[in-house]
């Protein structure tokens, strides 16, 4: 039982990242690119699924 409660216990905060300006700029550039790619792929997947469901809806109903 102890292992289960330990899993839900609040963990200590993660240490902050110590970076110089050049490394921070590179890090945030990478994060911006990842966010853009994730949003683009997520919306495109939503759009494809939404379109295919509209096509399939007529024969079902």
PDB file of N, CA and C in Angstrom:
ATOM      1  N   UNK A   1       0.827  -1.195   0.000  1.00  0.00           N
ATOM      2  CA  UNK A   1       0.000   0.000   0.000  1.00  0.00           C
ATOM      3  C   UNK A   1       0.864   1.249   0.000  1.00  0.00           C
ATOM      4  N   UNK A   2       2.019   1.160   0.627  1.00  0.00           N
ATOM      5  CA  UNK A   2       2.908   2.311   0.717  1.00  0.00           C
ATOM      6  C   UNK A   2       3.388   2.751  -0.665  1.00  0.00           C
ATOM      7  N   UNK A   3       3.636   1.789  -1.546  1.00  0.00           N
ATOM      8  CA  UNK A   3       4.107   2.143  -2.886  1.00  0.00           C
ATOM      9  C   UNK A   3       3.044   2.906  -3.664  1.00  0.00           C
ATOM     10  N   UNK A   4       1.788   2.575  -3.431  1.00  0.00           N
ATOM     11  CA  UNK A   4       0.705   3.267  -4.124  1.00  0.00           C
ATOM     12  C   UNK A   4       0.609   4.708  -3.645  1.00  0.00           C
ATOM     13  N   UNK A   5       0.670   4.920  -2.349  1.00  0.00           N
ATOM     14  CA  UNK A   5       0.585   6.289  -1.839  1.00  0.00           C
ATOM     15  C   UNK A   5       1.835   7.090  -2.184  1.00  0.00           C
ATOM     16  N   UNK A   6       2.989   6.431  -2.263  1.00  0.00           N
ATOM     17  CA  UNK A   6       4.210   7.136  -2.663  1.00  0.00           C
ATOM     18  C   UNK A   6       4.125   7.627  -4.104  1.00  0.00           C
ATOM     19  N   UNK A   7       3.416   6.892  -4.938  1.00  0.00           N
ATOM     20  CA  UNK A   7       3.269   7.296  -6.334  1.00  0.00           C
ATOM     21  C   UNK A   7       2.521   8.621  -6.440  1.00  0.00           C
ATOM     22  N   UNK A   8       1.532   8.850  -5.587  1.00  0.00           N
ATOM     23  CA  UNK A   8       0.715  10.058  -5.647  1.00  0.00           C
ATOM     24  C   UNK A   8       1.243  11.187  -4.762  1.00  0.00           C
ATOM     25  N   UNK A   9       2.334  10.976  -4.081  1.00  0.00           N
ATOM     26  CA  UNK A   9       2.913  12.008  -3.233  1.00  0.00           C
ATOM     27  C   UNK A   9       3.494  13.126  -4.099  1.00  0.00           C
ATOM     28  N   UNK A  10       3.446  14.347  -3.606  1.00  0.00           N
ATOM     29  CA  UNK A  10       3.978  15.494  -4.338  1.00  0.00           C
ATOM     30  C   UNK A  10       5.495  15.399  -4.370  1.00  0.00           C
ATOM     31  N   UNK A  11       6.055  15.495  -5.564  1.00  0.00           N
ATOM     32  CA  UNK A  11       7.511  15.403  -5.710  1.00  0.00           C
ATOM     33  C   UNK A  11       8.146  16.779  -5.492  1.00  0.00           C
ATOM     34  N   UNK A  12       9.423  16.806  -5.157  1.00  0.00           N
ATOM     35  CA  UNK A  12      10.094  18.096  -4.984  1.00  0.00           C
ATOM     36  C   UNK A  12      10.214  18.808  -6.327  1.00  0.00           C
ATOM     37  N   UNK A  13      10.274  20.123  -6.321  1.00  0.00           N
ATOM     38  CA  UNK A  13      10.357  20.852  -7.587  1.00  0.00           C
ATOM     39  C   UNK A  13      11.653  20.536  -8.334  1.00  0.00           C
ATOM     40  N   UNK A  14      11.564  20.542  -9.644  1.00  0.00           N
ATOM     41  CA  UNK A  14      12.737  20.271 -10.482  1.00  0.00           C
ATOM     42  C   UNK A  14      13.683  21.465 -10.421  1.00  0.00           C
ATOM     43  N   UNK A  15      14.975  21.213 -10.466  1.00  0.00           N
ATOM     44  CA  UNK A  15      15.917  22.334 -10.441  1.00  0.00           C
ATOM     45  C   UNK A  15      15.808  23.158 -11.717  1.00  0.00           C
ATOM     46  N   UNK A  16      16.025  24.457 -11.591  1.00  0.00           N
ATOM     47  CA  UNK A  16      15.953  25.343 -12.746  1.00  0.00           C
ATOM     48  C   UNK A  16      17.109  25.118 -13.696  1.00  0.00           C
ATOM     49  N   UNK A  17      16.894  25.454 -14.943  1.00  0.00           N
ATOM     50  CA  UNK A  17      17.950  25.300 -15.948  1.00  0.00           C
ATOM     51  C   UNK A  17      18.797  26.560 -15.967  1.00  0.00           C
ATOM     52  N   UNK A  18      20.075  26.379 -15.781  1.00  0.00           N
ATOM     53  CA  UNK A  18      21.015  27.492 -15.869  1.00  0.00           C
ATOM     54  C   UNK A  18      21.591  27.504 -17.278  1.00  0.00           C
ATOM     55  N   UNK A  19      21.193  28.499 -18.080  1.00  0.00           N
ATOM     56  CA  UNK A  19      21.656  28.581 -19.459  1.00  0.00           C
ATOM     57  C   UNK A  19      22.109  29.999 -19.761  1.00  0.00           C
ATOM     58  N   UNK A  20      23.055  30.107 -20.675  1.00  0.00           N
ATOM     59  CA  UNK A  20      23.425  31.433 -21.144  1.00  0.00           C
ATOM     60  C   UNK A  20      22.415  31.868 -22.210  1.00  0.00           C
ATOM     61  N   UNK A  21      22.530  33.095 -22.674  1.00  0.00           N
ATOM     62  CA  UNK A  21      21.534  33.636 -23.603  1.00  0.00           C
ATOM     63  C   UNK A  21      21.486  32.870 -24.921  1.00  0.00           C
ATOM     64  N   UNK A  22      22.636  32.453 -25.421  1.00  0.00           N
ATOM     65  CA  UNK A  22      22.667  31.729 -26.692  1.00  0.00           C
ATOM     66  C   UNK A  22      21.986  30.365 -26.568  1.00  0.00           C
ATOM     67  N   UNK A  23      22.264  29.652 -25.498  1.00  0.00           N
ATOM     68  CA  UNK A  23      21.643  28.338 -25.293  1.00  0.00           C
ATOM     69  C   UNK A  23      20.144  28.475 -25.060  1.00  0.00           C
ATOM     70  N   UNK A  24      19.739  29.504 -24.321  1.00  0.00           N
ATOM     71  CA  UNK A  24      18.310  29.724 -24.068  1.00  0.00           C
ATOM     72  C   UNK A  24      17.582  30.045 -25.370  1.00  0.00           C
ATOM     73  N   UNK A  25      18.191  30.856 -26.219  1.00  0.00           N
ATOM     74  CA  UNK A  25      17.586  31.196 -27.502  1.00  0.00           C
ATOM     75  C   UNK A  25      17.419  29.950 -28.365  1.00  0.00           C
ATOM     76  N   UNK A  26      18.426  29.109 -28.393  1.00  0.00           N
ATOM     77  CA  UNK A  26      18.366  27.871 -29.171  1.00  0.00           C
ATOM     78  C   UNK A  26      17.296  26.929 -28.611  1.00  0.00           C
ATOM     79  N   UNK A  27      17.214  26.852 -27.284  1.00  0.00           N
ATOM     80  CA  UNK A  27      16.233  25.990 -26.621  1.00  0.00           C
ATOM     81  C   UNK A  27      14.803  26.443 -26.933  1.00  0.00           C
ATOM     82  N   UNK A  28      14.534  27.750 -26.818  1.00  0.00           N
ATOM     83  CA  UNK A  28      13.186  28.250 -27.079  1.00  0.00           C
ATOM     84  C   UNK A  28      12.837  28.189 -28.557  1.00  0.00           C
ATOM     85  N   UNK A  29      13.813  28.334 -29.439  1.00  0.00           N
ATOM     86  CA  UNK A  29      13.558  28.175 -30.871  1.00  0.00           C
ATOM     87  C   UNK A  29      13.094  26.750 -31.157  1.00  0.00           C
ATOM     88  N   UNK A  30      13.747  25.788 -30.518  1.00  0.00           N
ATOM     89  CA  UNK A  30      13.365  24.384 -30.690  1.00  0.00           C
ATOM     90  C   UNK A  30      11.959  24.127 -30.131  1.00  0.00           C
ATOM     91  N   UNK A  31      11.650  24.719 -28.973  1.00  0.00           N
ATOM     92  CA  UNK A  31      10.311  24.537 -28.396  1.00  0.00           C
ATOM     93  C   UNK A  31       9.230  25.151 -29.280  1.00  0.00           C
ATOM     94  N   UNK A  32       9.517  26.317 -29.865  1.00  0.00           N
ATOM     95  CA  UNK A  32       8.539  26.947 -30.758  1.00  0.00           C
ATOM     96  C   UNK A  32       8.281  26.072 -31.976  1.00  0.00           C
ATOM     97  N   UNK A  33       9.338  25.493 -32.528  1.00  0.00           N
ATOM     98  CA  UNK A  33       9.175  24.612 -33.685  1.00  0.00           C
ATOM     99  C   UNK A  33       8.365  23.374 -33.308  1.00  0.00           C
ATOM    100  N   UNK A  34       8.641  22.793 -32.156  1.00  0.00           N
ATOM    101  CA  UNK A  34       7.892  21.610 -31.715  1.00  0.00           C
ATOM    102  C   UNK A  34       6.417  21.940 -31.501  1.00  0.00           C
ATOM    103  N   UNK A  35       6.125  23.106 -30.928  1.00  0.00           N
ATOM    104  CA  UNK A  35       4.733  23.498 -30.707  1.00  0.00           C
ATOM    105  C   UNK A  35       4.017  23.717 -32.036  1.00  0.00           C
ATOM    106  N   UNK A  36       4.702  24.338 -32.996  1.00  0.00           N
ATOM    107  CA  UNK A  36       4.110  24.569 -34.312  1.00  0.00           C
ATOM    108  C   UNK A  36       3.815  23.251 -35.017  1.00  0.00           C
ATOM    109  N   UNK A  37       4.761  22.327 -34.995  1.00  0.00           N
ATOM    110  CA  UNK A  37       4.571  21.029 -35.655  1.00  0.00           C
ATOM    111  C   UNK A  37       3.443  20.251 -34.981  1.00  0.00           C
ATOM    112  N   UNK A  38       3.389  20.268 -33.655  1.00  0.00           N
ATOM    113  CA  UNK A  38       2.337  19.541 -32.939  1.00  0.00           C
ATOM    114  C   UNK A  38       0.958  20.115 -33.252  1.00  0.00           C
ATOM    115  N   UNK A  39       0.838  21.440 -33.282  1.00  0.00           N
ATOM    116  CA  UNK A  39      -0.451  22.061 -33.584  1.00  0.00           C
ATOM    117  C   UNK A  39      -0.866  21.781 -35.025  1.00  0.00           C
ATOM    118  N   UNK A  40       0.078  21.850 -35.954  1.00  0.00           N
ATOM    119  CA  UNK A  40      -0.234  21.603 -37.361  1.00  0.00           C
ATOM    120  C   UNK A  40      -0.664  20.159 -37.582  1.00  0.00           C
ATOM    121  N   UNK A  41       0.088  19.217 -37.029  1.00  0.00           N
ATOM    122  CA  UNK A  41      -0.281  17.805 -37.190  1.00  0.00           C
ATOM    123  C   UNK A  41      -1.593  17.480 -36.478  1.00  0.00           C
ATOM    124  N   UNK A  42      -1.796  18.051 -35.299  1.00  0.00           N
ATOM    125  CA  UNK A  42      -3.034  17.806 -34.568  1.00  0.00           C
ATOM    126  C   UNK A  42      -4.252  18.321 -35.311  1.00  0.00           C
ATOM    127  N   UNK A  43      -4.154  19.542 -35.860  1.00  0.00           N
ATOM    128  CA  UNK A  43      -5.287  20.090 -36.601  1.00  0.00           C
ATOM    129  C   UNK A  43      -5.517  19.322 -37.892  1.00  0.00           C
ATOM    130  N   UNK A  44      -4.438  18.923 -38.569  1.00  0.00           N
ATOM    131  CA  UNK A  44      -4.624  18.175 -39.820  1.00  0.00           C
ATOM    132  C   UNK A  44      -5.270  16.819 -39.551  1.00  0.00           C
ATOM    133  N   UNK A  45      -4.890  16.162 -38.473  1.00  0.00           N
ATOM    134  CA  UNK A  45      -5.524  14.891 -38.117  1.00  0.00           C
ATOM    135  C   UNK A  45      -7.003  15.103 -37.785  1.00  0.00           C
ATOM    136  N   UNK A  46      -7.311  16.161 -37.051  1.00  0.00           N
ATOM    137  CA  UNK A  46      -8.705  16.484 -36.737  1.00  0.00           C
ATOM    138  C   UNK A  46      -9.496  16.734 -38.017  1.00  0.00           C
ATOM    139  N   UNK A  47      -8.921  17.494 -38.942  1.00  0.00           N
ATOM    140  CA  UNK A  47      -9.621  17.836 -40.175  1.00  0.00           C
ATOM    141  C   UNK A  47      -9.886  16.597 -41.016  1.00  0.00           C
ATOM    142  N   UNK A  48      -8.906  15.711 -41.133  1.00  0.00           N
ATOM    143  CA  UNK A  48      -9.085  14.488 -41.920  1.00  0.00           C
ATOM    144  C   UNK A  48     -10.158  13.606 -41.287  1.00  0.00           C
ATOM    145  N   UNK A  49     -10.129  13.455 -39.979  1.00  0.00           N
ATOM    146  CA  UNK A  49     -11.134  12.621 -39.303  1.00  0.00           C
ATOM    147  C   UNK A  49     -12.520  13.229 -39.412  1.00  0.00           C
ATOM    148  N   UNK A  50     -12.620  14.543 -39.288  1.00  0.00           N
ATOM    149  CA  UNK A  50     -13.917  15.207 -39.375  1.00  0.00           C
ATOM    150  C   UNK A  50     -14.499  15.044 -40.771  1.00  0.00           C
ATOM    151  N   UNK A  51     -13.668  15.196 -41.797  1.00  0.00           N
ATOM    152  CA  UNK A  51     -14.135  15.063 -43.169  1.00  0.00           C
ATOM    153  C   UNK A  51     -14.574  13.633 -43.462  1.00  0.00           C
ATOM    154  N   UNK A  52     -13.795  12.667 -43.020  1.00  0.00           N
ATOM    155  CA  UNK A  52     -14.159  11.279 -43.307  1.00  0.00           C
ATOM    156  C   UNK A  52     -15.418  10.870 -42.544  1.00  0.00           C
ATOM    157  N   UNK A  53     -15.635  11.427 -41.372  1.00  0.00           N
ATOM    158  CA  UNK A  53     -16.862  11.102 -40.636  1.00  0.00           C
ATOM    159  C   UNK A  53     -18.081  11.677 -41.338  1.00  0.00           C
ATOM    160  N   UNK A  54     -17.976  12.852 -41.938  1.00  0.00           N
ATOM    161  CA  UNK A  54     -19.103  13.413 -42.678  1.00  0.00           C
ATOM    162  C   UNK A  54     -19.433  12.565 -43.900  1.00  0.00           C
ATOM    163  N   UNK A  55     -18.425  11.989 -44.540  1.00  0.00           N
ATOM    164  CA  UNK A  55     -18.661  11.127 -45.700  1.00  0.00           C
ATOM    165  C   UNK A  55     -19.333   9.832 -45.263  1.00  0.00           C
ATOM    166  N   UNK A  56     -18.934   9.287 -44.143  1.00  0.00           N
ATOM    167  CA  UNK A  56     -19.485   8.015 -43.668  1.00  0.00           C
ATOM    168  C   UNK A  56     -20.857   8.171 -43.018  1.00  0.00           C
ATOM    169  N   UNK A  57     -21.206   9.379 -42.616  1.00  0.00           N
ATOM    170  CA  UNK A  57     -22.443   9.579 -41.873  1.00  0.00           C
ATOM    171  C   UNK A  57     -23.680   9.310 -42.735  1.00  0.00           C
ATOM    172  N   UNK A  58     -23.644   9.669 -44.014  1.00  0.00           N
ATOM    173  CA  UNK A  58     -24.827   9.498 -44.856  1.00  0.00           C
ATOM    174  C   UNK A  58     -25.245   8.030 -44.997  1.00  0.00           C
ATOM    175  N   UNK A  59     -24.328   7.104 -45.312  1.00  0.00           N
ATOM    176  CA  UNK A  59     -24.771   5.698 -45.406  1.00  0.00           C
ATOM    177  C   UNK A  59     -25.244   5.126 -44.070  1.00  0.00           C
ATOM    178  N   UNK A  60     -24.690   5.607 -42.981  1.00  0.00           N
ATOM    179  CA  UNK A  60     -25.082   5.080 -41.677  1.00  0.00           C
ATOM    180  C   UNK A  60     -26.490   5.534 -41.318  1.00  0.00           C
ATOM    181  N   UNK A  61     -26.788   6.796 -41.587  1.00  0.00           N
ATOM    182  CA  UNK A  61     -28.116   7.318 -41.251  1.00  0.00           C
ATOM    183  C   UNK A  61     -29.031   7.016 -42.387  1.00  0.00           C
TER     184      UNK A  61
END
